[in-house]
Amino acid sequence: MKILNKLQERWHGIDYPFLIHSTGELYFSNIAKKNFLDLSGIKSGDVVALIGDFDPQSIFTFIMLIDKNVIIVPLTTDTKSQHEYFFETACVDVIVEGTSVNRINNSKTHEFIENLRLLQHAGLVLFSTGTTGRPKAILHDLTFFMKRFETPRPSLKTINFLLFDHIGGLNTLLHTLFNKGTVVAPKSRSVEDVVATCAEHKIEVLPTTPTFLRMMLMSGLIPERIPNSLKIITYGTERMDQTTLDQLCKLLPNIDFRQTYGMSELGIVRVKSEMRNSLFMKIGGEGVETKVLRNILQIRSKTRMLGYLNEDNPFDKDGWFNTKDIVEEKNGYFKITGRSSEVINVGGLKFMASEVERIALQFEGVELAKADGKPNPITGQHVELTIQSSVKAKFDKKKLKKFLTLHLPNHMLPQRLKISSVNVGHRFKKI
């Protein structure tokens, strides 16, 4: 059965909207009847770049493209400068943006794409953020990927904070659609608009990132502007620090904070937080296995990607994926302490960049902190620390240096301290 038909059956007789957007409240029965675009020129097996967001047209087009068994490349306008690279890497045949459907001259293909065409399965291409190199093109069998949503699960009114080109954002959308929930698209992803949307529409779930939560903390809008309707805040895509989590739990005692974990390469991974104020979590279930080798988390998942379109196979012969996440273990729970790429080595003494950031975040007025290891001719590396301040007046750099000296060993002290903006990508992760 086609996805659209399945959704029509599930939503039959439902009298509340599935999407609240700037254009108004939208009911699935109305959306399904609309003819947003002429997609007749798109054929099974085409690779289609869909540039949009969580608006009615993009959502409906996404569903219709699945039913056409095409390989979908969801993109946002935030990554416009990289689109030409994305089109070439993903072997795009058609670009859909707004009301336009344009076939482009493409002669490239890939064996993974050809395999999907032979199976007549839909596909999904997601791009990594590319923080340590060029973005990786991650290909999933979307027909197989969609099967996990057929099992009914509870659904609460959710704000769609995570983006259209992110596996977390698509998971929120599909979970909501298949479980007859309501998703609300904020006017923008500023702290002010997200908080205002939560209050106006009595949002129950806010899925977001540690960086955005830190920005919320420093905005002065919480706890007073957080509505009583908000029950759950989930956070993931990057490592959370205990200082921020403790502050959030104290200010918002009635909200359940839940950590999420996932990588586009592995599909959606089930996670259970130990407690609302704990960074330890269980990872696994539903075809997901875990193990730890030399303190680094390895995962084997049945919902893993088919492979990269522009990189070598990252799985070992038994199907295990090296997440590069360094973890602590406790009674079957894991805590992410950093990534192997974030290890800094000063004169043979190794430590995580996150440890320097954790201390810096404890200083009053520090909104965001980013530590990096930089080459040093004597010690091999030294620490450089960028601080983004929430203080309106001039930030007291001398006091911060003194604070760091008191709380960090000498080899972890920043050799260069910069008061500036911390670079945050369109997915609200530090980059």
Protein backbone atom coordinates (compact mmCIF):
# COMPACT_ATOMS: atom_id res chain seq x y z
CA MET A 1 0.00 0.00 0.00
CA LYS A 2 1.21 3.51 -0.82
CA ILE A 3 2.28 5.75 2.08
CA LEU A 4 -0.35 8.37 1.24
CA ASN A 5 -3.11 5.76 1.37
CA LYS A 6 -1.84 4.43 4.71
CA LEU A 7 -1.84 7.92 6.17
CA GLN A 8 -5.30 8.67 4.80
CA GLU A 9 -6.62 5.55 6.54
CA ARG A 10 -4.98 6.53 9.84
CA TRP A 11 -6.27 10.08 9.69
CA HIS A 12 -9.80 9.22 8.56
CA GLY A 13 -12.32 11.05 10.73
CA ILE A 14 -9.68 13.01 12.69
CA ASP A 15 -10.89 16.57 13.32
CA TYR A 16 -7.68 18.24 14.54
CA PRO A 17 -4.73 19.52 12.48
CA PHE A 18 -1.53 17.56 11.93
CA LEU A 19 0.42 20.73 11.03
CA ILE A 20 0.22 24.23 12.43
CA HIS A 21 2.15 26.54 10.13
CA SER A 22 2.38 30.25 9.44
CA THR A 23 -0.21 29.67 6.72
CA GLY A 24 -2.66 28.36 9.29
CA GLU A 25 -3.92 25.06 10.70
CA LEU A 26 -3.77 22.25 8.17
CA TYR A 27 -5.75 19.04 8.33
CA PHE A 28 -4.47 15.89 6.71
CA SER A 29 -7.70 15.37 4.80
CA ASN A 30 -7.27 18.80 3.20
CA ILE A 31 -3.58 18.37 2.51
CA ALA A 32 -4.08 15.02 0.81
CA LYS A 33 -6.63 16.54 -1.58
CA LYS A 34 -4.43 19.43 -2.65
CA ASN A 35 -2.48 19.31 -5.88
CA PHE A 36 0.54 21.38 -4.95
CA LEU A 37 2.82 20.46 -7.83
CA ASP A 38 2.77 18.59 -11.10
CA LEU A 39 5.17 15.70 -10.42
CA SER A 40 4.21 13.72 -13.52
CA GLY A 41 7.62 14.32 -15.10
CA ILE A 42 9.37 12.55 -12.21
CA LYS A 43 9.76 8.81 -12.68
CA SER A 44 10.62 5.89 -10.39
CA GLY A 45 14.34 5.78 -9.58
CA ASP A 46 14.99 9.48 -10.16
CA VAL A 47 17.19 11.26 -7.63
CA VAL A 48 15.21 14.32 -6.54
CA ALA A 49 16.57 17.23 -4.52
CA LEU A 50 13.66 18.65 -2.49
CA ILE A 51 14.51 22.13 -1.19
CA GLY A 52 12.09 23.23 1.51
CA ASP A 53 11.19 23.05 5.16
CA PHE A 54 8.25 21.90 7.24
CA ASP A 55 5.66 23.69 5.15
CA PRO A 56 2.58 21.98 3.65
CA GLN A 57 3.91 21.86 0.12
CA SER A 58 7.25 20.33 1.08
CA ILE A 59 5.63 17.74 3.36
CA PHE A 60 3.07 16.66 0.77
CA THR A 61 5.71 16.56 -1.97
CA PHE A 62 7.95 14.44 0.28
CA ILE A 63 5.14 11.88 0.76
CA MET A 64 4.29 11.81 -2.96
CA LEU A 65 7.95 11.31 -3.88
CA ILE A 66 8.15 8.31 -1.54
CA ASP A 67 5.18 6.80 -3.34
CA LYS A 68 6.94 7.36 -6.65
CA ASN A 69 9.92 5.30 -5.39
CA VAL A 70 12.45 8.05 -6.00
CA ILE A 71 15.65 8.79 -4.09
CA ILE A 72 14.94 11.98 -2.10
CA VAL A 73 17.63 14.51 -1.14
CA PRO A 74 15.97 16.89 1.39
CA LEU A 75 17.76 20.25 1.55
CA THR A 76 17.15 23.65 3.12
CA THR A 77 17.99 27.13 1.89
CA ASP A 78 20.48 27.44 4.78
CA THR A 79 22.94 25.28 2.83
CA LYS A 80 22.42 27.05 -0.51
CA SER A 81 26.16 27.64 -0.99
CA GLN A 82 26.75 23.87 -0.95
CA HIS A 83 23.85 22.81 -3.16
CA GLU A 84 25.87 22.41 -6.33
CA TYR A 85 28.21 20.03 -4.51
CA PHE A 86 25.21 18.17 -3.05
CA PHE A 87 23.55 17.84 -6.47
CA GLU A 88 26.71 16.42 -8.04
CA THR A 89 27.56 14.07 -5.17
CA ALA A 90 24.03 12.66 -4.87
CA CYS A 91 23.70 12.26 -8.67
CA VAL A 92 20.58 14.48 -8.69
CA ASP A 93 18.27 14.25 -11.72
CA VAL A 94 15.52 16.66 -10.65
CA ILE A 95 15.39 19.76 -8.43
CA VAL A 96 12.10 20.66 -6.72
CA GLU A 97 12.02 24.10 -5.07
CA GLY A 98 8.91 26.12 -4.39
CA THR A 99 6.59 25.66 -7.34
CA SER A 100 9.32 24.71 -9.79
CA VAL A 101 10.25 21.19 -10.92
CA ASN A 102 13.41 21.19 -13.03
CA ARG A 103 15.20 18.22 -14.58
CA ILE A 104 18.93 18.78 -14.88
CA ASN A 105 21.53 17.23 -17.13
CA ASN A 106 23.02 14.42 -15.04
CA SER A 107 24.90 11.43 -16.39
CA LYS A 108 26.34 10.25 -13.07
CA THR A 109 25.08 7.37 -10.95
CA HIS A 110 26.28 5.10 -8.15
CA GLU A 111 26.01 1.37 -7.57
CA PHE A 112 23.96 1.91 -4.38
CA ILE A 113 21.49 4.06 -6.29
CA GLU A 114 21.28 1.48 -9.07
CA ASN A 115 20.55 -1.25 -6.51
CA LEU A 116 17.61 0.79 -5.14
CA ARG A 117 16.31 1.23 -8.68
CA LEU A 118 16.42 -2.51 -9.29
CA LEU A 119 14.46 -3.09 -6.07
CA GLN A 120 12.05 -0.25 -6.96
CA HIS A 121 12.58 1.15 -3.48
CA ALA A 122 12.53 4.77 -2.41
CA GLY A 123 15.79 6.20 -1.07
CA LEU A 124 16.95 9.01 1.20
CA VAL A 125 20.22 10.95 0.94
CA LEU A 126 21.31 12.98 3.96
CA PHE A 127 24.46 15.05 4.21
CA SER A 128 26.63 15.25 7.31
CA THR A 129 27.50 18.66 8.71
CA GLY A 130 31.04 18.30 7.42
CA THR A 131 32.73 19.78 10.50
CA THR A 132 35.93 17.82 9.90
CA GLY A 133 35.94 17.75 6.11
CA ARG A 134 33.58 17.64 3.16
CA PRO A 135 29.99 16.60 3.99
CA LYS A 136 29.39 12.87 3.58
CA ALA A 137 26.47 11.75 1.39
CA ILE A 138 24.57 9.12 3.41
CA LEU A 139 22.18 6.87 1.49
CA HIS A 140 19.29 4.97 3.14
CA ASP A 141 16.74 2.55 1.73
CA LEU A 142 13.72 4.73 2.55
CA THR A 143 11.21 1.95 1.89
CA PHE A 144 12.88 -0.10 4.63
CA PHE A 145 13.42 3.00 6.80
CA MET A 146 9.68 3.78 6.81
CA LYS A 147 8.67 0.39 8.23
CA ARG A 148 9.68 1.42 11.77
CA PHE A 149 6.89 4.01 11.79
CA GLU A 150 4.16 1.45 11.18
CA THR A 151 4.19 0.37 14.85
CA PRO A 152 1.80 2.71 16.73
CA ARG A 153 3.42 4.86 19.43
CA PRO A 154 2.20 7.73 21.61
CA SER A 155 2.48 11.17 20.06
CA LEU A 156 2.40 14.58 21.76
CA LYS A 157 2.12 18.07 20.30
CA THR A 158 5.66 18.74 19.10
CA ILE A 159 7.51 21.75 17.76
CA ASN A 160 9.53 20.94 14.68
CA PHE A 161 12.82 22.52 15.70
CA LEU A 162 15.18 20.09 13.96
CA LEU A 163 15.49 20.75 10.26
CA PHE A 164 14.12 19.20 7.09
CA ASP A 165 17.58 17.96 6.05
CA HIS A 166 18.27 16.29 9.41
CA ILE A 167 17.37 12.72 10.37
CA GLY A 168 15.99 13.99 13.69
CA GLY A 169 13.69 16.46 11.95
CA LEU A 170 12.39 13.82 9.54
CA ASN A 171 11.90 11.40 12.43
CA THR A 172 9.75 13.98 14.24
CA LEU A 173 7.67 14.58 11.12
CA LEU A 174 7.11 10.91 10.25
CA HIS A 175 6.45 9.87 13.85
CA THR A 176 3.83 12.62 14.12
CA LEU A 177 2.18 11.74 10.81
CA PHE A 178 1.96 8.01 11.49
CA ASN A 179 0.73 8.45 15.06
CA LYS A 180 -1.88 11.13 14.45
CA GLY A 181 -0.06 13.82 16.34
CA THR A 182 0.35 17.53 15.75
CA VAL A 183 3.56 19.23 14.71
CA VAL A 184 4.00 23.00 14.94
CA ALA A 185 6.46 24.87 12.73
CA PRO A 186 7.93 27.94 14.48
CA LYS A 187 8.08 31.26 12.68
CA SER A 188 11.87 31.05 12.94
CA ARG A 189 14.38 29.09 14.99
CA SER A 190 15.40 32.00 17.18
CA VAL A 191 15.13 31.52 20.94
CA GLU A 192 12.40 34.16 21.12
CA ASP A 193 10.23 32.61 18.39
CA VAL A 194 10.66 29.04 19.64
CA VAL A 195 9.70 30.01 23.20
CA ALA A 196 6.77 32.09 21.92
CA THR A 197 5.56 29.19 19.73
CA CYS A 198 5.71 26.80 22.69
CA ALA A 199 3.52 29.17 24.71
CA GLU A 200 1.06 30.10 21.96
CA HIS A 201 0.34 26.53 20.83
CA LYS A 202 0.71 24.74 24.17
CA ILE A 203 3.61 22.62 22.93
CA GLU A 204 4.26 19.38 24.85
CA VAL A 205 7.60 18.29 23.34
CA LEU A 206 10.59 20.41 22.31
CA PRO A 207 13.32 18.45 20.46
CA THR A 208 16.48 20.54 20.27
CA THR A 209 20.26 20.69 20.79
CA PRO A 210 22.52 21.43 23.79
CA THR A 211 23.76 24.60 22.07
CA PHE A 212 20.23 25.92 21.64
CA LEU A 213 19.36 25.03 25.24
CA ARG A 214 22.41 26.98 26.39
CA MET A 215 21.19 29.94 24.34
CA MET A 216 17.76 29.58 25.98
CA LEU A 217 19.39 29.62 29.40
CA MET A 218 21.26 32.82 28.70
CA SER A 219 18.31 34.56 27.05
CA GLY A 220 16.55 35.32 30.32
CA LEU A 221 13.29 33.89 28.93
CA ILE A 222 13.23 30.86 31.22
CA PRO A 223 11.63 29.82 33.40
CA GLU A 224 8.99 32.58 33.28
CA ARG A 225 8.18 32.24 29.54
CA ILE A 226 8.04 28.44 29.45
CA PRO A 227 4.42 27.22 29.38
CA ASN A 228 3.03 24.61 31.77
CA SER A 229 2.05 22.52 28.74
CA LEU A 230 5.72 21.66 27.98
CA LYS A 231 6.31 18.16 29.36
CA ILE A 232 9.47 16.93 27.61
CA ILE A 233 12.62 18.50 26.22
CA THR A 234 14.85 16.17 24.21
CA TYR A 235 18.41 17.06 23.32
CA GLY A 236 20.96 15.47 21.03
CA THR A 237 23.13 15.86 17.90
CA GLU A 238 26.09 16.94 20.09
CA ARG A 239 27.43 16.39 23.62
CA MET A 240 25.59 18.01 26.51
CA ASP A 241 27.58 19.37 29.47
CA GLN A 242 26.51 18.62 33.03
CA THR A 243 26.61 22.28 34.09
CA THR A 244 23.99 23.26 31.53
CA LEU A 245 21.79 20.25 32.28
CA ASP A 246 21.91 20.96 36.03
CA GLN A 247 20.88 24.58 35.46
CA LEU A 248 17.99 23.54 33.22
CA CYS A 249 16.74 20.90 35.66
CA LYS A 250 16.80 23.43 38.49
CA LEU A 251 14.97 26.16 36.57
CA LEU A 252 12.44 23.80 34.96
CA PRO A 253 11.69 21.19 37.64
CA ASN A 254 8.49 19.92 36.01
CA ILE A 255 10.02 19.13 32.64
CA ASP A 256 11.46 15.72 31.78
CA PHE A 257 14.83 16.11 30.04
CA ARG A 258 15.66 13.20 27.74
CA GLN A 259 18.86 12.65 25.87
CA THR A 260 18.71 11.34 22.32
CA TYR A 261 21.46 9.66 20.39
CA GLY A 262 21.80 8.92 16.76
CA MET A 263 23.85 9.27 13.66
CA SER A 264 22.50 9.56 10.16
CA GLU A 265 24.62 6.56 9.22
CA LEU A 266 22.80 4.33 11.72
CA GLY A 267 19.18 5.43 11.33
CA ILE A 268 17.05 6.11 14.40
CA VAL A 269 18.43 4.60 17.60
CA ARG A 270 16.28 4.13 20.70
CA VAL A 271 17.64 5.76 23.86
CA LYS A 272 16.58 5.83 27.50
CA SER A 273 18.05 8.42 29.88
CA GLU A 274 19.04 7.14 33.32
CA MET A 275 17.37 10.19 34.98
CA ARG A 276 16.31 13.66 33.87
CA ASN A 277 19.51 15.15 35.34
CA SER A 278 21.87 12.40 34.18
CA LEU A 279 23.98 12.26 31.05
CA PHE A 280 24.05 8.46 31.21
CA MET A 281 21.73 6.67 28.80
CA LYS A 282 20.91 3.22 27.50
CA ILE A 283 21.35 2.76 23.77
CA GLY A 284 19.86 -0.11 21.84
CA GLY A 285 16.76 -2.17 21.23
CA GLU A 286 14.95 -2.78 17.97
CA GLY A 287 17.82 -4.27 16.06
CA VAL A 288 20.57 -2.16 17.64
CA GLU A 289 23.64 -3.66 19.37
CA THR A 290 26.41 -1.84 21.22
CA LYS A 291 29.93 -2.57 22.42
CA VAL A 292 32.91 -0.51 23.56
CA LEU A 293 36.45 -0.88 22.18
CA ARG A 294 39.19 1.20 23.79
CA ASN A 295 36.56 3.49 25.34
CA ILE A 296 34.95 4.20 21.94
CA LEU A 297 31.33 3.24 21.28
CA GLN A 298 30.65 0.78 18.44
CA ILE A 299 27.12 0.23 17.12
CA ARG A 300 25.59 -2.37 14.83
CA SER A 301 22.15 -1.43 13.54
CA LYS A 302 19.64 -3.07 11.22
CA THR A 303 18.48 0.40 10.12
CA ARG A 304 21.96 1.49 9.05
CA MET A 305 22.63 3.27 5.79
CA LEU A 306 23.42 1.44 2.58
CA GLY A 307 26.66 3.41 2.44
CA TYR A 308 28.31 6.70 1.53
CA LEU A 309 28.10 8.02 -2.02
CA ASN A 310 31.43 9.85 -1.66
CA GLU A 311 33.40 7.88 0.93
CA ASP A 312 34.59 4.33 1.56
CA ASN A 313 32.54 1.80 3.53
CA PRO A 314 32.86 2.67 7.28
CA PHE A 315 31.55 -0.68 8.59
CA ASP A 316 33.82 -3.55 9.57
CA LYS A 317 33.33 -7.07 8.19
CA ASP A 318 30.79 -7.83 10.93
CA GLY A 319 28.78 -4.67 10.35
CA TRP A 320 30.02 -2.62 13.33
CA PHE A 321 30.27 1.16 13.02
CA ASN A 322 32.89 3.16 14.92
CA THR A 323 30.96 6.18 16.25
CA LYS A 324 34.19 7.89 17.38
CA ASP A 325 32.33 8.79 20.58
CA ILE A 326 34.36 8.30 23.76
CA VAL A 327 32.16 6.93 26.52
CA GLU A 328 32.03 6.03 30.19
CA GLU A 329 30.06 2.89 31.10
CA LYS A 330 27.94 2.37 34.22
CA ASN A 331 25.57 -0.56 34.74
CA GLY A 332 24.66 -0.80 31.07
CA TYR A 333 24.41 2.98 30.64
CA PHE A 334 26.76 5.14 28.54
CA LYS A 335 27.85 8.74 28.95
CA ILE A 336 29.43 10.52 25.99
CA THR A 337 32.52 12.38 27.21
CA GLY A 338 33.70 13.59 23.83
CA ARG A 339 34.82 12.50 20.39
CA SER A 340 38.13 10.97 19.46
CA SER A 341 38.71 13.93 17.11
CA GLU A 342 38.42 16.30 20.11
CA VAL A 343 41.30 14.80 22.11
CA ILE A 344 43.99 17.42 22.75
CA ASN A 345 47.58 16.32 23.41
CA VAL A 346 49.78 18.85 25.20
CA GLY A 347 53.27 17.51 25.79
CA GLY A 348 52.00 13.93 25.96
CA LEU A 349 49.15 14.78 28.37
CA LYS A 350 45.84 13.96 26.71
CA PHE A 351 42.46 15.42 27.61
CA MET A 352 39.10 16.25 26.04
CA ALA A 353 38.33 19.70 24.68
CA SER A 354 34.97 19.33 26.43
CA GLU A 355 36.71 19.41 29.83
CA VAL A 356 38.03 22.92 29.15
CA GLU A 357 34.60 23.99 27.86
CA ARG A 358 32.86 22.53 30.92
CA ILE A 359 34.91 24.69 33.29
CA ALA A 360 34.54 27.81 31.13
CA LEU A 361 30.75 27.45 31.10
CA GLN A 362 30.72 27.71 34.89
CA PHE A 363 31.95 31.30 34.73
CA GLU A 364 29.20 33.91 34.93
CA GLY A 365 28.33 35.49 31.60
CA VAL A 366 29.69 32.70 29.39
CA GLU A 367 26.98 31.73 26.92
CA LEU A 368 28.95 29.33 24.70
CA ALA A 369 32.48 27.95 24.80
CA LYS A 370 34.56 26.20 22.12
CA ALA A 371 38.01 24.73 22.85
CA ASP A 372 40.36 23.53 20.14
CA GLY A 373 43.80 21.94 20.02
CA LYS A 374 46.19 23.93 17.85
CA PRO A 375 49.68 22.98 16.63
CA ASN A 376 52.54 23.98 18.91
CA PRO A 377 56.24 23.58 17.96
CA ILE A 378 57.26 22.73 21.53
CA THR A 379 54.37 20.83 23.14
CA GLY A 380 52.79 19.41 19.98
CA GLN A 381 49.50 21.15 20.72
CA HIS A 382 48.10 23.92 22.88
CA VAL A 383 44.57 24.99 23.80
CA GLU A 384 42.75 27.87 22.17
CA LEU A 385 39.43 28.86 23.71
CA THR A 386 36.66 30.96 22.14
CA ILE A 387 34.09 32.45 24.51
CA GLN A 388 30.72 33.90 23.52
CA SER A 389 29.46 36.20 26.23
CA SER A 390 25.89 37.02 27.19
CA VAL A 391 27.02 40.08 29.13
CA LYS A 392 25.93 43.37 27.58
CA ALA A 393 28.79 45.32 29.11
CA LYS A 394 32.48 44.61 28.46
CA PHE A 395 33.37 41.04 29.41
CA ASP A 396 36.03 40.75 32.15
CA LYS A 397 38.63 38.65 30.39
CA LYS A 398 41.14 38.94 33.27
CA LYS A 399 38.68 37.46 35.77
CA LEU A 400 37.92 34.57 33.41
CA LYS A 401 41.65 33.82 33.02
CA LYS A 402 42.02 33.79 36.81
CA PHE A 403 39.01 31.49 37.13
CA LEU A 404 40.44 29.06 34.58
CA THR A 405 43.82 29.10 36.33
CA LEU A 406 42.12 28.10 39.58
CA HIS A 407 40.12 25.25 38.04
CA LEU A 408 42.32 23.79 35.31
CA PRO A 409 45.76 22.14 35.42
CA ASN A 410 48.53 24.05 33.65
CA HIS A 411 48.59 21.89 30.50
CA MET A 412 44.84 22.51 29.93
CA LEU A 413 45.02 26.28 30.29
CA PRO A 414 44.27 28.15 27.03
CA GLN A 415 47.30 29.75 25.43
CA ARG A 416 44.94 31.97 23.49
CA LEU A 417 41.61 33.23 24.82
CA LYS A 418 39.26 34.93 22.36
CA ILE A 419 36.01 36.72 23.23
CA SER A 420 33.94 36.38 20.10
CA SER A 421 30.98 34.56 18.59
CA VAL A 422 31.15 30.78 18.66
CA ASN A 423 30.39 29.42 15.21
CA VAL A 424 27.01 27.65 15.30
CA GLY A 425 25.73 25.88 12.17
CA HIS A 426 22.18 25.88 10.78
CA ARG A 427 21.47 22.74 12.84
CA PHE A 428 22.38 24.60 16.05
CA LYS A 429 25.56 22.64 16.68
CA LYS A 430 28.92 24.19 17.46
CA ILE A 431 31.23 23.88 14.46
